[in-house]
Amino acid sequence: MGVGKKLAAQCAAVFSARNIGGAQIEDVTEGVRKLEVMDDRRLVIMVGTNNLQQNGSEVVLRKFSTFIECCKARKNRTVTLIAFRGVLV
């Protein structure tokens, strides 16, 4: 069981987890777009990529910029982005 599922099981009243394995940044952006506006939500997103060589850093940075703007538009209390494995932020 992953960290998200453990936290959801222990703190279901204040925590929910979504796992989108294999999703592209556009998929995650669309998922955030579908969230209702909540001023008190703390959004934590863990992302990574393995396609920097395929897409190029400019394309990946543009997609992440769109993603971050989408997170801001949802008016979350805080947004924490945890990036790993070749992500340029």
Protein backbone atom coordinates (compact mmCIF):
# COMPACT_ATOMS: atom_id res chain seq x y z
CA MET A 1 0.00 0.00 0.00
CA GLY A 2 1.38 3.40 -0.98
CA VAL A 3 1.67 6.49 1.19
CA GLY A 4 -1.43 8.10 -0.33
CA LYS A 5 -3.63 5.09 0.37
CA LYS A 6 -2.32 4.81 3.93
CA LEU A 7 -3.05 8.46 4.62
CA ALA A 8 -6.50 8.14 3.07
CA ALA A 9 -7.24 5.12 5.28
CA GLN A 10 -6.02 6.87 8.43
CA CYS A 11 -7.31 10.39 7.76
CA ALA A 12 -10.26 9.98 5.39
CA ALA A 13 -12.06 13.00 6.84
CA VAL A 14 -9.29 15.38 5.77
CA PHE A 15 -7.30 13.52 3.11
CA SER A 16 -7.98 11.87 -0.22
CA ALA A 17 -5.54 10.37 -2.69
CA ARG A 18 -5.62 9.88 -6.43
CA ASN A 19 -3.09 7.86 -8.35
CA ILE A 20 -2.81 8.25 -12.11
CA GLY A 21 0.02 5.89 -13.03
CA GLY A 22 1.43 6.45 -16.50
CA ALA A 23 -0.49 9.69 -16.92
CA GLN A 24 0.97 12.50 -18.95
CA ILE A 25 1.11 16.05 -17.62
CA GLU A 26 -1.93 16.93 -19.72
CA ASP A 27 -3.91 14.19 -17.93
CA VAL A 28 -2.92 15.49 -14.50
CA THR A 29 -3.68 19.07 -15.57
CA GLU A 30 -7.15 17.99 -16.68
CA GLY A 31 -7.67 16.20 -13.34
CA VAL A 32 -6.78 19.37 -11.44
CA ARG A 33 -9.07 21.39 -13.74
CA LYS A 34 -11.97 19.15 -12.69
CA LEU A 35 -11.40 19.78 -8.96
CA GLU A 36 -13.89 22.06 -7.31
CA VAL A 37 -12.56 25.39 -6.06
CA MET A 38 -11.63 25.03 -2.37
CA ASP A 39 -9.81 27.81 -0.56
CA ASP A 40 -8.77 25.48 2.26
CA ARG A 41 -7.41 22.57 0.16
CA ARG A 42 -3.72 21.74 0.34
CA LEU A 43 -2.87 20.12 -2.96
CA VAL A 44 0.24 17.91 -3.06
CA ILE A 45 1.29 16.51 -6.41
CA MET A 46 4.19 14.15 -7.09
CA VAL A 47 5.31 14.14 -10.71
CA GLY A 48 8.11 12.81 -12.80
CA THR A 49 9.00 12.34 -16.42
CA ASN A 50 11.15 10.11 -18.53
CA ASN A 51 10.54 11.79 -21.86
CA LEU A 52 12.73 14.90 -21.75
CA GLN A 53 14.80 13.65 -24.67
CA GLN A 54 11.73 12.73 -26.69
CA ASN A 55 9.76 15.97 -26.14
CA GLY A 56 12.55 18.39 -25.31
CA SER A 57 12.87 20.56 -22.23
CA GLU A 58 11.00 23.54 -23.73
CA VAL A 59 7.88 21.46 -24.38
CA VAL A 60 8.01 19.87 -20.92
CA LEU A 61 8.50 23.28 -19.26
CA ARG A 62 5.57 24.74 -21.20
CA LYS A 63 3.33 21.83 -20.10
CA PHE A 64 4.41 22.26 -16.46
CA SER A 65 3.76 26.00 -16.67
CA THR A 66 0.23 25.31 -17.89
CA PHE A 67 -0.19 22.76 -15.10
CA ILE A 68 0.98 25.20 -12.40
CA GLU A 69 -1.34 27.93 -13.69
CA CYS A 70 -4.21 25.44 -13.55
CA CYS A 71 -3.35 24.65 -9.91
CA LYS A 72 -3.40 28.37 -9.09
CA ALA A 73 -6.75 28.81 -10.82
CA ARG A 74 -8.35 26.22 -8.53
CA LYS A 75 -7.63 28.56 -5.61
CA ASN A 76 -6.06 25.93 -3.38
CA ARG A 77 -4.75 27.10 -0.03
CA THR A 78 -1.32 25.72 -0.93
CA VAL A 79 0.13 23.73 -3.79
CA THR A 80 3.19 21.54 -3.25
CA LEU A 81 4.84 20.09 -6.31
CA ILE A 82 7.29 17.26 -5.75
CA ALA A 83 9.27 16.65 -8.92
CA PHE A 84 11.72 13.85 -9.60
CA ARG A 85 13.48 11.93 -12.36
CA GLY A 86 14.49 14.50 -14.90
CA VAL A 87 11.82 17.12 -14.31
CA LEU A 88 12.88 20.70 -14.92
CA VAL A 89 11.06 23.09 -12.60
